[in-house]
């Protein structure tokens, strides 16, 4: 049976995965309190990319033809999108900085960090329109203000990194019918 990964339907970010991903552990991660569902991906900004690997070609100087290719590094795998509507907690979780609160402890804003912060790592999951899942277990997050049409959004690029836990791959893909998230609903910004 052919599997199709077409378009985007839902996106989540949360804690880095610390165990091999199975349909059951993926469903549990999606349902966890610490996982946030993205409520808005601005039109035509979602993208999954897997870059070409870095290679070195060895050329036979007698014939001028390639006789061996050595793969040096794998190509980067990334998922990117722009959140056209977001919450201040999304800015803090994905860009760093601090939430600004009023005297009643209500969040009223966000302040950028006053220094260079370390890289933020998250687990990132995308569910395609065809219902299938792409899972990055340990993604380095680059977040920035990103203008799309007239909307100033939160542009996100999540790049898959090696997972520090033995036996956990950097990426998994699962058929939608194998992952039961039937009791989850969309709960974050932009809904």
C-alpha atoms as a PDB file:
ATOM      1  CA  UNK A   1       0.000   0.000   0.000  1.00  0.00           C
ATOM      2  CA  UNK A   2       1.397   3.395  -0.995  1.00  0.00           C
ATOM      3  CA  UNK A   3       1.672   5.969   1.801  1.00  0.00           C
ATOM      4  CA  UNK A   4       1.002   9.625   0.979  1.00  0.00           C
ATOM      5  CA  UNK A   5       2.373  12.611   2.875  1.00  0.00           C
ATOM      6  CA  UNK A   6       0.467  15.556   1.362  1.00  0.00           C
ATOM      7  CA  UNK A   7      -0.094  19.001   2.866  1.00  0.00           C
ATOM      8  CA  UNK A   8      -0.434  19.846   6.539  1.00  0.00           C
ATOM      9  CA  UNK A   9      -3.380  19.388   8.891  1.00  0.00           C
ATOM     10  CA  UNK A  10      -1.952  19.666  12.435  1.00  0.00           C
ATOM     11  CA  UNK A  11       1.394  20.552  14.059  1.00  0.00           C
ATOM     12  CA  UNK A  12       2.595  20.011  17.625  1.00  0.00           C
ATOM     13  CA  UNK A  13       5.747  20.856  19.595  1.00  0.00           C
ATOM     14  CA  UNK A  14       6.819  19.709  23.034  1.00  0.00           C
ATOM     15  CA  UNK A  15       9.420  17.851  25.024  1.00  0.00           C
ATOM     16  CA  UNK A  16      12.231  16.053  23.211  1.00  0.00           C
ATOM     17  CA  UNK A  17      11.407  12.347  22.828  1.00  0.00           C
ATOM     18  CA  UNK A  18      13.462  10.194  25.197  1.00  0.00           C
ATOM     19  CA  UNK A  19      12.341   6.750  23.994  1.00  0.00           C
ATOM     20  CA  UNK A  20      11.880   5.110  20.618  1.00  0.00           C
ATOM     21  CA  UNK A  21       8.665   6.334  19.018  1.00  0.00           C
ATOM     22  CA  UNK A  22       5.847   3.851  18.466  1.00  0.00           C
ATOM     23  CA  UNK A  23       2.247   4.636  17.509  1.00  0.00           C
ATOM     24  CA  UNK A  24       1.266   4.337  21.197  1.00  0.00           C
ATOM     25  CA  UNK A  25       4.089   6.550  22.521  1.00  0.00           C
ATOM     26  CA  UNK A  26       3.411   9.096  19.764  1.00  0.00           C
ATOM     27  CA  UNK A  27      -0.267   9.279  20.756  1.00  0.00           C
ATOM     28  CA  UNK A  28       0.717   9.660  24.428  1.00  0.00           C
ATOM     29  CA  UNK A  29       3.194  12.454  23.577  1.00  0.00           C
ATOM     30  CA  UNK A  30       0.544  14.323  21.551  1.00  0.00           C
ATOM     31  CA  UNK A  31      -1.938  14.022  24.447  1.00  0.00           C
ATOM     32  CA  UNK A  32       0.585  15.113  27.116  1.00  0.00           C
ATOM     33  CA  UNK A  33       0.016  18.369  29.025  1.00  0.00           C
ATOM     34  CA  UNK A  34       3.512  19.521  28.043  1.00  0.00           C
ATOM     35  CA  UNK A  35       2.714  19.280  24.310  1.00  0.00           C
ATOM     36  CA  UNK A  36       1.356  22.335  22.480  1.00  0.00           C
ATOM     37  CA  UNK A  37      -0.691  22.160  19.306  1.00  0.00           C
ATOM     38  CA  UNK A  38       0.011  24.950  16.847  1.00  0.00           C
ATOM     39  CA  UNK A  39      -3.265  26.658  16.048  1.00  0.00           C
ATOM     40  CA  UNK A  40      -2.220  28.510  12.923  1.00  0.00           C
ATOM     41  CA  UNK A  41       0.118  27.867  10.007  1.00  0.00           C
ATOM     42  CA  UNK A  42      -0.063  30.803   7.594  1.00  0.00           C
ATOM     43  CA  UNK A  43      -1.101  29.810   4.066  1.00  0.00           C
ATOM     44  CA  UNK A  44       1.615  28.190   1.971  1.00  0.00           C
ATOM     45  CA  UNK A  45       4.362  28.430   4.615  1.00  0.00           C
ATOM     46  CA  UNK A  46       4.491  24.787   5.766  1.00  0.00           C
ATOM     47  CA  UNK A  47       7.380  22.894   4.256  1.00  0.00           C
ATOM     48  CA  UNK A  48       9.173  19.588   4.834  1.00  0.00           C
ATOM     49  CA  UNK A  49      12.639  19.357   3.309  1.00  0.00           C
ATOM     50  CA  UNK A  50      15.404  16.781   3.240  1.00  0.00           C
ATOM     51  CA  UNK A  51      18.559  18.292   1.771  1.00  0.00           C
ATOM     52  CA  UNK A  52      21.091  16.484  -0.355  1.00  0.00           C
ATOM     53  CA  UNK A  53      23.949  14.831   1.523  1.00  0.00           C
ATOM     54  CA  UNK A  54      27.448  16.271   1.347  1.00  0.00           C
ATOM     55  CA  UNK A  55      29.596  14.043  -0.838  1.00  0.00           C
ATOM     56  CA  UNK A  56      33.118  13.843  -2.196  1.00  0.00           C
ATOM     57  CA  UNK A  57      33.602  12.494  -5.701  1.00  0.00           C
ATOM     58  CA  UNK A  58      36.787  10.676  -6.641  1.00  0.00           C
ATOM     59  CA  UNK A  59      37.779  11.074 -10.270  1.00  0.00           C
ATOM     60  CA  UNK A  60      39.944   8.689 -12.291  1.00  0.00           C
ATOM     61  CA  UNK A  61      42.439  11.033 -13.908  1.00  0.00           C
ATOM     62  CA  UNK A  62      43.054   8.524 -16.705  1.00  0.00           C
ATOM     63  CA  UNK A  63      39.422   8.617 -17.853  1.00  0.00           C
ATOM     64  CA  UNK A  64      38.106  11.821 -16.263  1.00  0.00           C
ATOM     65  CA  UNK A  65      35.158   9.840 -14.891  1.00  0.00           C
ATOM     66  CA  UNK A  66      33.938   9.418 -11.371  1.00  0.00           C
ATOM     67  CA  UNK A  67      34.943   6.062  -9.883  1.00  0.00           C
ATOM     68  CA  UNK A  68      33.743   6.479  -6.281  1.00  0.00           C
ATOM     69  CA  UNK A  69      31.474   8.768  -4.266  1.00  0.00           C
ATOM     70  CA  UNK A  70      31.922   9.091  -0.510  1.00  0.00           C
ATOM     71  CA  UNK A  71      28.977  10.338   1.571  1.00  0.00           C
ATOM     72  CA  UNK A  72      30.395  12.726   4.177  1.00  0.00           C
ATOM     73  CA  UNK A  73      27.209  13.904   5.933  1.00  0.00           C
ATOM     74  CA  UNK A  74      23.488  13.282   5.640  1.00  0.00           C
ATOM     75  CA  UNK A  75      21.375  16.130   4.312  1.00  0.00           C
ATOM     76  CA  UNK A  76      19.492  18.233   6.866  1.00  0.00           C
ATOM     77  CA  UNK A  77      15.847  17.350   7.471  1.00  0.00           C
ATOM     78  CA  UNK A  78      13.630  20.286   8.405  1.00  0.00           C
ATOM     79  CA  UNK A  79      10.027  21.239   8.958  1.00  0.00           C
ATOM     80  CA  UNK A  80       9.160  24.921   8.717  1.00  0.00           C
ATOM     81  CA  UNK A  81       6.049  27.046   8.985  1.00  0.00           C
ATOM     82  CA  UNK A  82       4.947  30.515  10.034  1.00  0.00           C
ATOM     83  CA  UNK A  83       2.440  30.926  12.823  1.00  0.00           C
ATOM     84  CA  UNK A  84       0.193  33.782  11.675  1.00  0.00           C
ATOM     85  CA  UNK A  85      -1.456  33.882  15.103  1.00  0.00           C
ATOM     86  CA  UNK A  86       0.302  32.772  18.271  1.00  0.00           C
ATOM     87  CA  UNK A  87       0.399  33.233  22.022  1.00  0.00           C
ATOM     88  CA  UNK A  88       3.159  34.879  24.041  1.00  0.00           C
ATOM     89  CA  UNK A  89       3.921  31.465  25.555  1.00  0.00           C
ATOM     90  CA  UNK A  90       4.749  30.258  22.009  1.00  0.00           C
ATOM     91  CA  UNK A  91       7.298  33.084  21.687  1.00  0.00           C
ATOM     92  CA  UNK A  92       8.920  32.093  24.972  1.00  0.00           C
ATOM     93  CA  UNK A  93       8.885  28.358  24.220  1.00  0.00           C
ATOM     94  CA  UNK A  94      10.283  28.708  20.694  1.00  0.00           C
ATOM     95  CA  UNK A  95      12.366  31.936  20.810  1.00  0.00           C
ATOM     96  CA  UNK A  96      13.342  32.175  24.467  1.00  0.00           C
ATOM     97  CA  UNK A  97      12.971  35.470  26.292  1.00  0.00           C
ATOM     98  CA  UNK A  98      10.572  36.105  29.156  1.00  0.00           C
ATOM     99  CA  UNK A  99       6.842  36.486  29.575  1.00  0.00           C
ATOM    100  CA  UNK A 100       5.697  39.875  30.858  1.00  0.00           C
ATOM    101  CA  UNK A 101       2.995  39.793  33.532  1.00  0.00           C
ATOM    102  CA  UNK A 102       0.771  42.338  35.235  1.00  0.00           C
ATOM    103  CA  UNK A 103       0.317  42.686  39.005  1.00  0.00           C
ATOM    104  CA  UNK A 104      -2.291  39.886  38.945  1.00  0.00           C
ATOM    105  CA  UNK A 105       0.221  37.541  37.237  1.00  0.00           C
ATOM    106  CA  UNK A 106      -1.666  37.604  33.911  1.00  0.00           C
ATOM    107  CA  UNK A 107       0.534  37.332  30.831  1.00  0.00           C
ATOM    108  CA  UNK A 108       0.371  40.646  28.965  1.00  0.00           C
ATOM    109  CA  UNK A 109       3.437  40.484  26.732  1.00  0.00           C
ATOM    110  CA  UNK A 110       6.855  39.078  25.971  1.00  0.00           C
ATOM    111  CA  UNK A 111      10.417  40.454  26.097  1.00  0.00           C
ATOM    112  CA  UNK A 112      13.249  39.243  23.909  1.00  0.00           C
ATOM    113  CA  UNK A 113      16.302  37.896  25.670  1.00  0.00           C
ATOM    114  CA  UNK A 114      18.990  40.456  26.436  1.00  0.00           C
ATOM    115  CA  UNK A 115      21.722  37.979  25.512  1.00  0.00           C
ATOM    116  CA  UNK A 116      22.270  35.198  23.006  1.00  0.00           C
ATOM    117  CA  UNK A 117      20.393  32.176  24.282  1.00  0.00           C
ATOM    118  CA  UNK A 118      21.416  28.609  23.633  1.00  0.00           C
ATOM    119  CA  UNK A 119      19.676  26.524  21.016  1.00  0.00           C
ATOM    120  CA  UNK A 120      16.150  25.457  21.912  1.00  0.00           C
ATOM    121  CA  UNK A 121      15.363  21.789  21.274  1.00  0.00           C
ATOM    122  CA  UNK A 122      11.842  20.377  20.936  1.00  0.00           C
ATOM    123  CA  UNK A 123      10.046  17.326  19.711  1.00  0.00           C
ATOM    124  CA  UNK A 124       8.032  18.346  16.620  1.00  0.00           C
ATOM    125  CA  UNK A 125       5.214  16.385  14.983  1.00  0.00           C
ATOM    126  CA  UNK A 126       3.372  17.194  11.764  1.00  0.00           C
ATOM    127  CA  UNK A 127       0.168  15.436  10.702  1.00  0.00           C
ATOM    128  CA  UNK A 128      -0.446  15.662   6.973  1.00  0.00           C
ATOM    129  CA  UNK A 129      -3.799  16.216   5.266  1.00  0.00           C
ATOM    130  CA  UNK A 130      -3.639  12.530   4.357  1.00  0.00           C
ATOM    131  CA  UNK A 131      -3.519  11.710   8.094  1.00  0.00           C
ATOM    132  CA  UNK A 132       0.073  10.476   8.301  1.00  0.00           C
ATOM    133  CA  UNK A 133       2.697  11.633  10.806  1.00  0.00           C
ATOM    134  CA  UNK A 134       6.230  13.015  10.517  1.00  0.00           C
ATOM    135  CA  UNK A 135       8.083  13.008  13.854  1.00  0.00           C
ATOM    136  CA  UNK A 136      11.317  14.847  14.685  1.00  0.00           C
ATOM    137  CA  UNK A 137      12.414  13.548  18.086  1.00  0.00           C
ATOM    138  CA  UNK A 138      15.061  16.205  18.818  1.00  0.00           C
ATOM    139  CA  UNK A 139      14.685  19.290  16.630  1.00  0.00           C
ATOM    140  CA  UNK A 140      16.819  22.414  16.901  1.00  0.00           C
ATOM    141  CA  UNK A 141      14.396  25.331  16.729  1.00  0.00           C
ATOM    142  CA  UNK A 142      15.132  28.573  14.925  1.00  0.00           C
ATOM    143  CA  UNK A 143      12.337  31.093  15.492  1.00  0.00           C
ATOM    144  CA  UNK A 144      12.078  34.597  14.078  1.00  0.00           C
ATOM    145  CA  UNK A 145       9.597  37.291  13.202  1.00  0.00           C
ATOM    146  CA  UNK A 146       8.456  36.560   9.670  1.00  0.00           C
ATOM    147  CA  UNK A 147       6.209  38.763   7.550  1.00  0.00           C
ATOM    148  CA  UNK A 148       3.818  36.842   5.306  1.00  0.00           C
ATOM    149  CA  UNK A 149       1.597  39.061   3.184  1.00  0.00           C
ATOM    150  CA  UNK A 150       0.746  41.708   5.843  1.00  0.00           C
ATOM    151  CA  UNK A 151       0.877  39.395   8.867  1.00  0.00           C
ATOM    152  CA  UNK A 152       3.896  39.515  11.156  1.00  0.00           C
ATOM    153  CA  UNK A 153       4.104  35.898  12.171  1.00  0.00           C
ATOM    154  CA  UNK A 154       6.373  33.637  14.138  1.00  0.00           C
ATOM    155  CA  UNK A 155       8.521  31.802  11.596  1.00  0.00           C
ATOM    156  CA  UNK A 156       9.741  28.410  12.778  1.00  0.00           C
ATOM    157  CA  UNK A 157      12.358  26.087  11.321  1.00  0.00           C
ATOM    158  CA  UNK A 158      12.766  22.775  13.144  1.00  0.00           C
ATOM    159  CA  UNK A 159      15.844  20.831  12.037  1.00  0.00           C
ATOM    160  CA  UNK A 160      16.138  17.173  13.034  1.00  0.00           C
ATOM    161  CA  UNK A 161      19.180  16.446  15.196  1.00  0.00           C
ATOM    162  CA  UNK A 162      20.601  13.183  16.455  1.00  0.00           C
ATOM    163  CA  UNK A 163      18.739  12.136  19.575  1.00  0.00           C
ATOM    164  CA  UNK A 164      20.933  11.784  22.671  1.00  0.00           C
ATOM    165  CA  UNK A 165      19.051   8.661  23.777  1.00  0.00           C
ATOM    166  CA  UNK A 166      20.455   5.398  22.416  1.00  0.00           C
ATOM    167  CA  UNK A 167      18.049   3.618  20.100  1.00  0.00           C
ATOM    168  CA  UNK A 168      15.975   6.727  19.316  1.00  0.00           C
ATOM    169  CA  UNK A 169      16.035   7.817  15.676  1.00  0.00           C
ATOM    170  CA  UNK A 170      16.016  11.480  14.684  1.00  0.00           C
ATOM    171  CA  UNK A 171      12.913  10.979  12.513  1.00  0.00           C
ATOM    172  CA  UNK A 172       9.934   8.626  12.345  1.00  0.00           C
ATOM    173  CA  UNK A 173       6.999   8.432   9.936  1.00  0.00           C
ATOM    174  CA  UNK A 174       3.754   6.645  10.766  1.00  0.00           C
ATOM    175  CA  UNK A 175       0.501   5.922   8.977  1.00  0.00           C
ATOM    176  CA  UNK A 176      -2.366   7.829  10.535  1.00  0.00           C
ATOM    177  CA  UNK A 177      -4.537   4.787  11.118  1.00  0.00           C
ATOM    178  CA  UNK A 178      -1.883   3.369  13.477  1.00  0.00           C
ATOM    179  CA  UNK A 179      -1.941   6.378  15.868  1.00  0.00           C
ATOM    180  CA  UNK A 180      -5.062   6.917  17.992  1.00  0.00           C
ATOM    181  CA  UNK A 181      -5.420  10.552  19.071  1.00  0.00           C
ATOM    182  CA  UNK A 182      -9.206  10.561  18.864  1.00  0.00           C
ATOM    183  CA  UNK A 183      -9.687  12.358  22.176  1.00  0.00           C
ATOM    184  CA  UNK A 184      -7.474  15.377  21.407  1.00  0.00           C
ATOM    185  CA  UNK A 185      -8.701  18.746  20.244  1.00  0.00           C
ATOM    186  CA  UNK A 186      -7.140  21.917  18.927  1.00  0.00           C
ATOM    187  CA  UNK A 187      -6.402  24.178  21.902  1.00  0.00           C
ATOM    188  CA  UNK A 188      -3.791  26.841  21.118  1.00  0.00           C
ATOM    189  CA  UNK A 189      -3.574  30.226  19.413  1.00  0.00           C
ATOM    190  CA  UNK A 190      -5.280  31.051  16.173  1.00  0.00           C
ATOM    191  CA  UNK A 191      -8.398  28.910  16.582  1.00  0.00           C
END
